[in-house]
Amino acid sequence: MQKILISLILALAIAGFAYLLTSNATDTQVKQANCEPLTSTSVLIPGGTFKMGSEAFYPEEGPIRDVEVSAFRIDVHEVTNRQFMKFVKQTGYVTNAERTPDPALHPTIPVEQLVAGSAAFKLSFDSKVAGRWHFIPDASWRQPEGPGSSIDEMMDNPVVHITYADALAYAQWTGGDLPTEAEWEYAARGGLESAQYSWGDVAPDEMPIAMANTWQGVFPVLNTAKDGFYGSSPVGCYELNGYRLADMTGNVWEWVKQEDSASQAKNLGLIKGGSFLCAENYCQRYRPAARHPQELDFSTNHIGFRVVYRGE
């Protein structure tokens, strides 16, 4: 049985990489899909009580409990490269990925290894090697794949390689804040009570059309990109949820407000929503209730954020 499974995985890997090599697509995009400009920038979410959490997937999502939230506005989509560039031009802000880490914060890492950069997941075009994570020196929001790459053709994609501090700095510059976990989950549910996904209870791979930018195939060896993208997509390419919000599922993970002082002391924050790397066989966290810890001062090419505005 084990030999059969290994053979199947290898076959899928070979088929997948052959598909990638013979396609005319770039590394990140298959086609433009149905991406249309989003006319509104934020949406008012009415206050209310909802059932937060889930007991059907990962234990850290439970228990299901009633949570009340006050009304707030939230960005229709994740903050884009275009928006973040405006922030940087006006403020001169330098992200964590563009700075050399402080040795005092990383005493176990040799000083010579502390360099500016960020992490990125890359597919391999060697059929014997699965895709994997790499730390890339000098990778940042400006050059997401490292030196020589750019965001020139990705201005409407979510900004990535963003740490918690980076996201919070941008949010405060706009006069807003990062959403609390409860606010984020309430908004992601789109008014659906107790549904597992933002659109209902049918898993992404079982839907007749792609509802979000997730990984199709066997992670990390085969990505068919049936949804239209290998990596992140421009915002607004998939059906909006019940509150008319885009990409609350998949595309990139999103930072939420750090409220747990104990976790903050451990340098741990929280991200929600899943990303283009979440698959049926791995990381089924493309759901409103899903949550995942993330180092506050470390960034990757699949983590972004959106902003909320309270008291308006």
C-alpha atoms as a PDB file:
ATOM      1  CA  MET A   1       0.000   0.000   0.000  1.00  0.00           C
ATOM      2  CA  GLN A   2       2.817   2.380   0.907  1.00  0.00           C
ATOM      3  CA  LYS A   3       4.554   1.698  -2.421  1.00  0.00           C
ATOM      4  CA  ILE A   4       1.301   2.418  -4.264  1.00  0.00           C
ATOM      5  CA  LEU A   5       0.865   5.742  -2.457  1.00  0.00           C
ATOM      6  CA  ILE A   6       4.466   6.752  -3.155  1.00  0.00           C
ATOM      7  CA  SER A   7       4.046   5.852  -6.829  1.00  0.00           C
ATOM      8  CA  LEU A   8       0.821   7.866  -7.012  1.00  0.00           C
ATOM      9  CA  ILE A   9       2.427  10.940  -5.450  1.00  0.00           C
ATOM     10  CA  LEU A  10       5.410  10.720  -7.791  1.00  0.00           C
ATOM     11  CA  ALA A  11       3.094  10.350 -10.765  1.00  0.00           C
ATOM     12  CA  LEU A  12       1.126  13.388  -9.709  1.00  0.00           C
ATOM     13  CA  ALA A  13       4.314  15.349  -9.194  1.00  0.00           C
ATOM     14  CA  ILE A  14       5.660  14.457 -12.636  1.00  0.00           C
ATOM     15  CA  ALA A  15       2.325  15.259 -14.266  1.00  0.00           C
ATOM     16  CA  GLY A  16       2.044  18.527 -12.410  1.00  0.00           C
ATOM     17  CA  PHE A  17       5.512  19.773 -13.245  1.00  0.00           C
ATOM     18  CA  ALA A  18       5.104  18.672 -16.855  1.00  0.00           C
ATOM     19  CA  TYR A  19       1.945  20.779 -16.950  1.00  0.00           C
ATOM     20  CA  LEU A  20       3.807  23.756 -15.534  1.00  0.00           C
ATOM     21  CA  LEU A  21       6.682  23.406 -17.942  1.00  0.00           C
ATOM     22  CA  THR A  22       4.502  23.064 -21.043  1.00  0.00           C
ATOM     23  CA  SER A  23       2.030  25.824 -20.169  1.00  0.00           C
ATOM     24  CA  ASN A  24       2.433  29.335 -21.510  1.00  0.00           C
ATOM     25  CA  ALA A  25       1.730  30.842 -18.114  1.00  0.00           C
ATOM     26  CA  THR A  26       4.088  32.728 -15.869  1.00  0.00           C
ATOM     27  CA  ASP A  27       5.133  31.263 -12.530  1.00  0.00           C
ATOM     28  CA  THR A  28       2.297  33.001 -10.736  1.00  0.00           C
ATOM     29  CA  GLN A  29      -0.576  33.479 -13.113  1.00  0.00           C
ATOM     30  CA  VAL A  30      -2.426  31.241 -15.546  1.00  0.00           C
ATOM     31  CA  LYS A  31      -4.984  33.697 -16.821  1.00  0.00           C
ATOM     32  CA  GLN A  32      -6.563  36.929 -15.753  1.00  0.00           C
ATOM     33  CA  ALA A  33      -9.790  35.132 -14.720  1.00  0.00           C
ATOM     34  CA  ASN A  34     -12.795  37.431 -14.188  1.00  0.00           C
ATOM     35  CA  CYS A  35     -10.993  40.176 -12.306  1.00  0.00           C
ATOM     36  CA  GLU A  36     -13.020  43.365 -12.326  1.00  0.00           C
ATOM     37  CA  PRO A  37     -12.301  46.701 -10.632  1.00  0.00           C
ATOM     38  CA  LEU A  38     -13.953  47.025  -7.231  1.00  0.00           C
ATOM     39  CA  THR A  39     -15.981  50.215  -7.027  1.00  0.00           C
ATOM     40  CA  SER A  40     -16.215  50.564  -3.242  1.00  0.00           C
ATOM     41  CA  THR A  41     -13.299  50.758  -0.823  1.00  0.00           C
ATOM     42  CA  SER A  42     -14.964  49.760   2.453  1.00  0.00           C
ATOM     43  CA  VAL A  43     -18.219  48.263   3.677  1.00  0.00           C
ATOM     44  CA  LEU A  44     -20.226  48.941   6.825  1.00  0.00           C
ATOM     45  CA  ILE A  45     -20.749  45.731   8.778  1.00  0.00           C
ATOM     46  CA  PRO A  46     -23.723  45.972  11.162  1.00  0.00           C
ATOM     47  CA  GLY A  47     -23.117  44.938  14.740  1.00  0.00           C
ATOM     48  CA  GLY A  48     -24.568  41.699  16.037  1.00  0.00           C
ATOM     49  CA  THR A  49     -24.009  38.387  17.759  1.00  0.00           C
ATOM     50  CA  PHE A  50     -22.713  35.349  15.880  1.00  0.00           C
ATOM     51  CA  LYS A  51     -21.483  31.853  16.553  1.00  0.00           C
ATOM     52  CA  MET A  52     -17.698  32.070  16.391  1.00  0.00           C
ATOM     53  CA  GLY A  53     -15.416  29.092  15.878  1.00  0.00           C
ATOM     54  CA  SER A  54     -15.785  25.568  14.558  1.00  0.00           C
ATOM     55  CA  GLU A  55     -15.508  22.053  15.968  1.00  0.00           C
ATOM     56  CA  ALA A  56     -15.284  20.270  12.623  1.00  0.00           C
ATOM     57  CA  PHE A  57     -11.638  20.819  11.648  1.00  0.00           C
ATOM     58  CA  TYR A  58      -8.804  21.902  13.965  1.00  0.00           C
ATOM     59  CA  PRO A  59      -9.046  21.867  17.790  1.00  0.00           C
ATOM     60  CA  GLU A  60      -7.788  25.431  18.229  1.00  0.00           C
ATOM     61  CA  GLU A  61     -10.904  26.720  16.436  1.00  0.00           C
ATOM     62  CA  GLY A  62     -13.286  25.602  19.186  1.00  0.00           C
ATOM     63  CA  PRO A  63     -15.369  25.710  21.127  1.00  0.00           C
ATOM     64  CA  ILE A  64     -18.202  27.316  19.209  1.00  0.00           C
ATOM     65  CA  ARG A  65     -19.374  30.288  21.252  1.00  0.00           C
ATOM     66  CA  ASP A  66     -21.677  33.296  20.934  1.00  0.00           C
ATOM     67  CA  VAL A  67     -19.709  36.521  20.384  1.00  0.00           C
ATOM     68  CA  GLU A  68     -21.042  40.050  20.048  1.00  0.00           C
ATOM     69  CA  VAL A  69     -19.381  42.669  17.869  1.00  0.00           C
ATOM     70  CA  SER A  70     -20.164  46.365  17.393  1.00  0.00           C
ATOM     71  CA  ALA A  71     -20.653  47.872  13.953  1.00  0.00           C
ATOM     72  CA  PHE A  72     -17.493  48.689  11.979  1.00  0.00           C
ATOM     73  CA  ARG A  73     -16.303  49.386   8.471  1.00  0.00           C
ATOM     74  CA  ILE A  74     -13.823  47.083   6.768  1.00  0.00           C
ATOM     75  CA  ASP A  75     -11.841  47.234   3.546  1.00  0.00           C
ATOM     76  CA  VAL A  76     -13.547  45.466   0.660  1.00  0.00           C
ATOM     77  CA  HIS A  77     -10.271  43.801  -0.244  1.00  0.00           C
ATOM     78  CA  GLU A  78      -6.764  43.212   1.022  1.00  0.00           C
ATOM     79  CA  VAL A  79      -4.405  46.185   0.870  1.00  0.00           C
ATOM     80  CA  THR A  80      -2.771  46.163  -2.555  1.00  0.00           C
ATOM     81  CA  ASN A  81       0.740  46.928  -3.730  1.00  0.00           C
ATOM     82  CA  ARG A  82      -0.622  50.131  -5.266  1.00  0.00           C
ATOM     83  CA  GLN A  83      -2.059  51.296  -1.938  1.00  0.00           C
ATOM     84  CA  PHE A  84       1.008  50.319   0.070  1.00  0.00           C
ATOM     85  CA  MET A  85       3.296  52.094  -2.384  1.00  0.00           C
ATOM     86  CA  LYS A  86       1.358  55.328  -1.816  1.00  0.00           C
ATOM     87  CA  PHE A  87       1.838  54.894   1.940  1.00  0.00           C
ATOM     88  CA  VAL A  88       5.586  54.348   1.553  1.00  0.00           C
ATOM     89  CA  LYS A  89       6.010  57.312  -0.800  1.00  0.00           C
ATOM     90  CA  GLN A  90       4.228  59.654   1.612  1.00  0.00           C
ATOM     91  CA  THR A  91       5.827  58.422   4.835  1.00  0.00           C
ATOM     92  CA  GLY A  92       9.180  56.918   3.865  1.00  0.00           C
ATOM     93  CA  TYR A  93       8.245  53.785   5.810  1.00  0.00           C
ATOM     94  CA  VAL A  94      10.698  50.863   5.644  1.00  0.00           C
ATOM     95  CA  THR A  95       9.260  47.394   6.211  1.00  0.00           C
ATOM     96  CA  ASN A  96      10.811  44.808   8.513  1.00  0.00           C
ATOM     97  CA  ALA A  97      11.870  42.671   5.541  1.00  0.00           C
ATOM     98  CA  GLU A  98      13.965  45.593   4.280  1.00  0.00           C
ATOM     99  CA  ARG A  99      15.830  45.969   7.588  1.00  0.00           C
ATOM    100  CA  THR A 100      18.622  43.908   9.107  1.00  0.00           C
ATOM    101  CA  PRO A 101      17.182  42.031  12.101  1.00  0.00           C
ATOM    102  CA  ASP A 102      18.247  43.136  15.570  1.00  0.00           C
ATOM    103  CA  PRO A 103      20.731  40.556  16.966  1.00  0.00           C
ATOM    104  CA  ALA A 104      19.342  41.141  20.463  1.00  0.00           C
ATOM    105  CA  LEU A 105      15.994  39.760  19.321  1.00  0.00           C
ATOM    106  CA  HIS A 106      17.565  36.671  17.747  1.00  0.00           C
ATOM    107  CA  PRO A 107      20.336  35.527  20.105  1.00  0.00           C
ATOM    108  CA  THR A 108      20.419  31.963  18.729  1.00  0.00           C
ATOM    109  CA  ILE A 109      21.128  33.032  15.147  1.00  0.00           C
ATOM    110  CA  PRO A 110      24.714  33.851  14.116  1.00  0.00           C
ATOM    111  CA  VAL A 111      25.080  37.567  13.383  1.00  0.00           C
ATOM    112  CA  GLU A 112      26.361  36.897   9.862  1.00  0.00           C
ATOM    113  CA  GLN A 113      23.085  35.118   9.057  1.00  0.00           C
ATOM    114  CA  LEU A 114      20.919  38.042  10.137  1.00  0.00           C
ATOM    115  CA  VAL A 115      20.216  39.739   6.831  1.00  0.00           C
ATOM    116  CA  ALA A 116      17.308  41.665   5.406  1.00  0.00           C
ATOM    117  CA  GLY A 117      14.870  39.457   3.529  1.00  0.00           C
ATOM    118  CA  SER A 118      11.754  37.353   3.723  1.00  0.00           C
ATOM    119  CA  ALA A 119      10.400  33.869   3.049  1.00  0.00           C
ATOM    120  CA  ALA A 120       8.768  32.670  -0.160  1.00  0.00           C
ATOM    121  CA  PHE A 121       7.287  29.358  -1.239  1.00  0.00           C
ATOM    122  CA  LYS A 122       8.540  28.270  -4.627  1.00  0.00           C
ATOM    123  CA  LEU A 123       7.502  25.481  -6.915  1.00  0.00           C
ATOM    124  CA  SER A 124      10.302  23.299  -8.204  1.00  0.00           C
ATOM    125  CA  PHE A 125      10.585  22.398 -11.855  1.00  0.00           C
ATOM    126  CA  ASP A 126      12.537  19.274 -10.922  1.00  0.00           C
ATOM    127  CA  SER A 127      10.018  16.406 -10.881  1.00  0.00           C
ATOM    128  CA  LYS A 128      11.934  14.769  -8.023  1.00  0.00           C
ATOM    129  CA  VAL A 129      11.674  17.781  -5.727  1.00  0.00           C
ATOM    130  CA  ALA A 130       8.466  19.216  -4.282  1.00  0.00           C
ATOM    131  CA  GLY A 131       7.901  22.914  -3.819  1.00  0.00           C
ATOM    132  CA  ARG A 132       9.321  24.308  -0.595  1.00  0.00           C
ATOM    133  CA  TRP A 133       9.950  27.415   1.473  1.00  0.00           C
ATOM    134  CA  HIS A 134      13.073  29.512   0.999  1.00  0.00           C
ATOM    135  CA  PHE A 135      14.454  32.464   2.917  1.00  0.00           C
ATOM    136  CA  ILE A 136      15.429  34.954   0.212  1.00  0.00           C
ATOM    137  CA  PRO A 137      17.856  37.750   1.116  1.00  0.00           C
ATOM    138  CA  ASP A 138      16.467  41.155   0.132  1.00  0.00           C
ATOM    139  CA  ALA A 139      13.031  39.792  -0.766  1.00  0.00           C
ATOM    140  CA  SER A 140      10.406  42.353   0.234  1.00  0.00           C
ATOM    141  CA  TRP A 141       7.102  43.836  -0.860  1.00  0.00           C
ATOM    142  CA  ARG A 142       8.984  45.686  -3.615  1.00  0.00           C
ATOM    143  CA  GLN A 143      10.655  42.559  -5.010  1.00  0.00           C
ATOM    144  CA  PRO A 144       8.572  39.612  -3.799  1.00  0.00           C
ATOM    145  CA  GLU A 145      10.725  36.936  -5.418  1.00  0.00           C
ATOM    146  CA  GLY A 146      14.000  38.579  -4.417  1.00  0.00           C
ATOM    147  CA  PRO A 147      16.463  40.808  -6.309  1.00  0.00           C
ATOM    148  CA  GLY A 148      15.503  41.215  -9.945  1.00  0.00           C
ATOM    149  CA  SER A 149      11.767  40.710  -9.372  1.00  0.00           C
ATOM    150  CA  SER A 150       9.232  43.514  -9.167  1.00  0.00           C
ATOM    151  CA  ILE A 151       5.565  44.321  -8.607  1.00  0.00           C
ATOM    152  CA  ASP A 152       5.195  46.280 -11.853  1.00  0.00           C
ATOM    153  CA  GLU A 153       2.634  43.791 -13.168  1.00  0.00           C
ATOM    154  CA  MET A 154       1.109  43.120  -9.754  1.00  0.00           C
ATOM    155  CA  MET A 155      -0.043  46.528  -8.575  1.00  0.00           C
ATOM    156  CA  ASP A 156      -3.552  45.258  -7.829  1.00  0.00           C
ATOM    157  CA  ASN A 157      -2.347  42.122  -6.037  1.00  0.00           C
ATOM    158  CA  PRO A 158      -2.269  42.096  -2.229  1.00  0.00           C
ATOM    159  CA  VAL A 159       0.917  43.516  -0.756  1.00  0.00           C
ATOM    160  CA  VAL A 160       2.921  40.684   0.872  1.00  0.00           C
ATOM    161  CA  HIS A 161       6.130  40.199   2.870  1.00  0.00           C
ATOM    162  CA  ILE A 162       4.391  42.258   5.544  1.00  0.00           C
ATOM    163  CA  THR A 163       4.923  41.775   9.276  1.00  0.00           C
ATOM    164  CA  TYR A 164       2.421  42.643  11.978  1.00  0.00           C
ATOM    165  CA  ALA A 165       4.164  45.964  12.686  1.00  0.00           C
ATOM    166  CA  ASP A 166       4.103  46.856   8.983  1.00  0.00           C
ATOM    167  CA  ALA A 167       0.384  46.118   8.729  1.00  0.00           C
ATOM    168  CA  LEU A 168      -0.411  48.082  11.868  1.00  0.00           C
ATOM    169  CA  ALA A 169       1.638  51.070  10.705  1.00  0.00           C
ATOM    170  CA  TYR A 170      -0.306  51.250   7.444  1.00  0.00           C
ATOM    171  CA  ALA A 171      -3.661  50.800   9.185  1.00  0.00           C
ATOM    172  CA  GLN A 172      -2.945  53.620  11.630  1.00  0.00           C
ATOM    173  CA  TRP A 173      -1.781  55.860   8.775  1.00  0.00           C
ATOM    174  CA  THR A 174      -5.226  55.476   7.187  1.00  0.00           C
ATOM    175  CA  GLY A 175      -6.941  56.323  10.472  1.00  0.00           C
ATOM    176  CA  GLY A 176      -7.979  52.709  10.952  1.00  0.00           C
ATOM    177  CA  ASP A 177      -6.787  49.596  12.714  1.00  0.00           C
ATOM    178  CA  LEU A 178      -6.340  45.884  12.148  1.00  0.00           C
ATOM    179  CA  PRO A 179      -9.532  43.876  12.698  1.00  0.00           C
ATOM    180  CA  THR A 180      -9.907  41.831  15.855  1.00  0.00           C
ATOM    181  CA  GLU A 181     -10.251  38.117  15.262  1.00  0.00           C
ATOM    182  CA  ALA A 182     -13.976  38.356  16.059  1.00  0.00           C
ATOM    183  CA  GLU A 183     -14.501  41.266  13.656  1.00  0.00           C
ATOM    184  CA  TRP A 184     -12.585  39.502  10.918  1.00  0.00           C
ATOM    185  CA  GLU A 185     -14.471  36.213  11.310  1.00  0.00           C
ATOM    186  CA  TYR A 186     -17.848  37.951  11.555  1.00  0.00           C
ATOM    187  CA  ALA A 187     -17.131  39.831   8.317  1.00  0.00           C
ATOM    188  CA  ALA A 188     -15.771  36.731   6.580  1.00  0.00           C
ATOM    189  CA  ARG A 189     -18.950  34.780   7.280  1.00  0.00           C
ATOM    190  CA  GLY A 190     -20.911  37.308   5.269  1.00  0.00           C
ATOM    191  CA  GLY A 191     -24.058  36.812   7.321  1.00  0.00           C
ATOM    192  CA  LEU A 192     -24.148  33.021   6.968  1.00  0.00           C
ATOM    193  CA  GLU A 193     -24.872  31.474  10.363  1.00  0.00           C
ATOM    194  CA  SER A 194     -22.566  28.580  11.262  1.00  0.00           C
ATOM    195  CA  ALA A 195     -21.532  27.816   7.653  1.00  0.00           C
ATOM    196  CA  GLN A 196     -18.111  26.215   7.287  1.00  0.00           C
ATOM    197  CA  TYR A 197     -17.105  28.412   4.345  1.00  0.00           C
ATOM    198  CA  SER A 198     -17.792  31.992   3.316  1.00  0.00           C
ATOM    199  CA  TRP A 199     -20.251  30.726   0.700  1.00  0.00           C
ATOM    200  CA  GLY A 200     -21.848  27.782   2.550  1.00  0.00           C
ATOM    201  CA  ASP A 201     -20.906  24.226   3.463  1.00  0.00           C
ATOM    202  CA  VAL A 202     -19.527  22.881   0.168  1.00  0.00           C
ATOM    203  CA  ALA A 203     -15.736  22.548   0.080  1.00  0.00           C
ATOM    204  CA  PRO A 204     -13.832  24.633  -2.507  1.00  0.00           C
ATOM    205  CA  ASP A 205     -12.779  21.666  -4.629  1.00  0.00           C
ATOM    206  CA  GLU A 206     -16.399  20.517  -4.862  1.00  0.00           C
ATOM    207  CA  MET A 207     -17.786  23.813  -6.121  1.00  0.00           C
ATOM    208  CA  PRO A 208     -18.590  24.060  -9.850  1.00  0.00           C
ATOM    209  CA  ILE A 209     -16.566  27.287 -10.111  1.00  0.00           C
ATOM    210  CA  ALA A 210     -13.608  28.567  -8.134  1.00  0.00           C
ATOM    211  CA  MET A 211     -14.859  30.583  -5.169  1.00  0.00           C
ATOM    212  CA  ALA A 212     -11.428  31.626  -3.943  1.00  0.00           C
ATOM    213  CA  ASN A 213      -7.735  31.545  -4.787  1.00  0.00           C
ATOM    214  CA  THR A 214      -6.578  28.291  -3.178  1.00  0.00           C
ATOM    215  CA  TRP A 215      -4.308  25.403  -4.160  1.00  0.00           C
ATOM    216  CA  GLN A 216      -5.884  22.803  -6.466  1.00  0.00           C
ATOM    217  CA  GLY A 217      -4.167  19.437  -6.495  1.00  0.00           C
ATOM    218  CA  VAL A 218      -1.853  17.672  -4.054  1.00  0.00           C
ATOM    219  CA  PHE A 219       0.236  20.102  -2.022  1.00  0.00           C
ATOM    220  CA  PRO A 220       3.182  20.568  -2.453  1.00  0.00           C
ATOM    221  CA  VAL A 221       3.776  18.477  -5.572  1.00  0.00           C
ATOM    222  CA  LEU A 222       0.931  19.364  -7.936  1.00  0.00           C
ATOM    223  CA  ASN A 223      -0.860  22.651  -8.455  1.00  0.00           C
ATOM    224  CA  THR A 224      -3.231  22.505 -11.421  1.00  0.00           C
ATOM    225  CA  ALA A 225      -4.109  26.185 -10.930  1.00  0.00           C
ATOM    226  CA  LYS A 226      -7.665  25.399 -11.977  1.00  0.00           C
ATOM    227  CA  ASP A 227      -8.765  28.579 -10.202  1.00  0.00           C
ATOM    228  CA  GLY A 228      -6.618  30.683 -12.500  1.00  0.00           C
ATOM    229  CA  PHE A 229      -3.507  31.391 -10.433  1.00  0.00           C
ATOM    230  CA  TYR A 230      -0.414  29.665  -9.075  1.00  0.00           C
ATOM    231  CA  GLY A 231       0.342  32.487  -6.663  1.00  0.00           C
ATOM    232  CA  SER A 232      -1.608  35.484  -5.458  1.00  0.00           C
ATOM    233  CA  SER A 233      -4.250  37.043  -7.672  1.00  0.00           C
ATOM    234  CA  PRO A 234      -5.396  40.619  -8.174  1.00  0.00           C
ATOM    235  CA  VAL A 235      -8.066  41.504  -5.628  1.00  0.00           C
ATOM    236  CA  GLY A 236     -11.677  40.969  -6.657  1.00  0.00           C
ATOM    237  CA  CYS A 237     -11.260  38.022  -9.028  1.00  0.00           C
ATOM    238  CA  TYR A 238     -13.730  35.788  -7.199  1.00  0.00           C
ATOM    239  CA  GLU A 239     -17.335  36.061  -6.036  1.00  0.00           C
ATOM    240  CA  LEU A 240     -17.901  38.485  -3.170  1.00  0.00           C
ATOM    241  CA  ASN A 241     -19.335  37.171   0.095  1.00  0.00           C
ATOM    242  CA  GLY A 242     -22.670  38.145   1.615  1.00  0.00           C
ATOM    243  CA  TYR A 243     -21.273  41.443   2.897  1.00  0.00           C
ATOM    244  CA  ARG A 244     -19.792  42.235  -0.544  1.00  0.00           C
ATOM    245  CA  LEU A 245     -16.235  41.576   0.611  1.00  0.00           C
ATOM    246  CA  ALA A 246     -13.551  40.107  -1.643  1.00  0.00           C
ATOM    247  CA  ASP A 247     -10.951  37.456  -0.853  1.00  0.00           C
ATOM    248  CA  MET A 248     -11.916  36.780   2.760  1.00  0.00           C
ATOM    249  CA  THR A 249     -11.077  33.225   1.717  1.00  0.00           C
ATOM    250  CA  GLY A 250      -7.693  32.360   0.211  1.00  0.00           C
ATOM    251  CA  ASN A 251      -5.399  34.593  -1.851  1.00  0.00           C
ATOM    252  CA  VAL A 252      -3.238  35.674   1.126  1.00  0.00           C
ATOM    253  CA  TRP A 253      -3.445  35.238   4.875  1.00  0.00           C
ATOM    254  CA  GLU A 254      -4.463  38.356   6.793  1.00  0.00           C
ATOM    255  CA  TRP A 255      -3.123  39.747  10.055  1.00  0.00           C
ATOM    256  CA  VAL A 256      -5.621  40.374  12.850  1.00  0.00           C
ATOM    257  CA  LYS A 257      -5.253  42.578  15.918  1.00  0.00           C
ATOM    258  CA  GLN A 258      -2.874  41.313  18.591  1.00  0.00           C
ATOM    259  CA  GLU A 259      -4.962  41.095  21.779  1.00  0.00           C
ATOM    260  CA  ASP A 260      -3.199  38.306  23.665  1.00  0.00           C
ATOM    261  CA  SER A 261      -0.347  39.805  25.708  1.00  0.00           C
ATOM    262  CA  ALA A 262       1.018  36.353  26.554  1.00  0.00           C
ATOM    263  CA  SER A 263       1.350  35.480  22.857  1.00  0.00           C
ATOM    264  CA  GLN A 264       2.840  38.861  22.104  1.00  0.00           C
ATOM    265  CA  ALA A 265       5.529  38.202  24.682  1.00  0.00           C
ATOM    266  CA  LYS A 266       6.335  35.040  22.741  1.00  0.00           C
ATOM    267  CA  ASN A 267       6.450  37.013  19.477  1.00  0.00           C
ATOM    268  CA  LEU A 268       3.342  35.253  18.190  1.00  0.00           C
ATOM    269  CA  GLY A 269       0.493  36.893  16.328  1.00  0.00           C
ATOM    270  CA  LEU A 270      -2.526  35.514  14.485  1.00  0.00           C
ATOM    271  CA  ILE A 271      -3.463  35.279  10.815  1.00  0.00           C
ATOM    272  CA  LYS A 272      -6.808  34.335   9.267  1.00  0.00           C
ATOM    273  CA  GLY A 273      -8.342  33.275   5.966  1.00  0.00           C
ATOM    274  CA  GLY A 274      -5.821  30.919   4.395  1.00  0.00           C
ATOM    275  CA  SER A 275      -3.932  31.589   1.177  1.00  0.00           C
ATOM    276  CA  PHE A 276      -3.175  30.349  -2.314  1.00  0.00           C
ATOM    277  CA  LEU A 277      -1.122  27.598  -0.633  1.00  0.00           C
ATOM    278  CA  CYS A 278      -4.042  26.050   1.288  1.00  0.00           C
ATOM    279  CA  ALA A 279      -5.208  22.752  -0.224  1.00  0.00           C
ATOM    280  CA  GLU A 280      -7.695  19.989   0.538  1.00  0.00           C
ATOM    281  CA  ASN A 281      -4.872  17.684   1.649  1.00  0.00           C
ATOM    282  CA  TYR A 282      -2.985  20.368   3.581  1.00  0.00           C
ATOM    283  CA  CYS A 283      -3.999  23.458   5.555  1.00  0.00           C
ATOM    284  CA  GLN A 284      -7.767  23.367   5.228  1.00  0.00           C
ATOM    285  CA  ARG A 285      -7.781  26.840   6.711  1.00  0.00           C
ATOM    286  CA  TYR A 286      -9.624  28.604   3.912  1.00  0.00           C
ATOM    287  CA  ARG A 287     -12.557  29.088   6.289  1.00  0.00           C
ATOM    288  CA  PRO A 288     -13.824  31.943   8.509  1.00  0.00           C
ATOM    289  CA  ALA A 289     -13.208  29.995  11.748  1.00  0.00           C
ATOM    290  CA  ALA A 290      -9.681  28.916  10.830  1.00  0.00           C
ATOM    291  CA  ARG A 291      -6.774  30.549  12.646  1.00  0.00           C
ATOM    292  CA  HIS A 292      -3.016  30.137  12.602  1.00  0.00           C
ATOM    293  CA  PRO A 293      -0.155  31.540  14.725  1.00  0.00           C
ATOM    294  CA  GLN A 294       2.537  33.564  12.998  1.00  0.00           C
ATOM    295  CA  GLU A 295       5.741  35.175  14.239  1.00  0.00           C
ATOM    296  CA  LEU A 296       5.054  38.884  14.590  1.00  0.00           C
ATOM    297  CA  ASP A 297       8.367  39.997  13.077  1.00  0.00           C
ATOM    298  CA  PHE A 298       8.597  37.486  10.233  1.00  0.00           C
ATOM    299  CA  SER A 299       7.041  37.881   6.793  1.00  0.00           C
ATOM    300  CA  THR A 300       6.279  35.652   3.813  1.00  0.00           C
ATOM    301  CA  ASN A 301       4.943  35.933   0.272  1.00  0.00           C
ATOM    302  CA  HIS A 302       1.476  34.742   1.301  1.00  0.00           C
ATOM    303  CA  ILE A 303       0.643  37.081   4.209  1.00  0.00           C
ATOM    304  CA  GLY A 304      -1.084  40.450   3.802  1.00  0.00           C
ATOM    305  CA  PHE A 305      -3.850  42.338   5.608  1.00  0.00           C
ATOM    306  CA  ARG A 306      -6.876  44.629   5.402  1.00  0.00           C
ATOM    307  CA  VAL A 307      -8.032  47.558   7.550  1.00  0.00           C
ATOM    308  CA  VAL A 308     -11.079  48.244   9.753  1.00  0.00           C
ATOM    309  CA  TYR A 309     -12.486  51.593  10.823  1.00  0.00           C
ATOM    310  CA  ARG A 310     -14.425  51.905  14.049  1.00  0.00           C
ATOM    311  CA  GLY A 311     -16.607  54.668  15.432  1.00  0.00           C
ATOM    312  CA  GLU A 312     -17.586  56.137  12.056  1.00  0.00           C
END
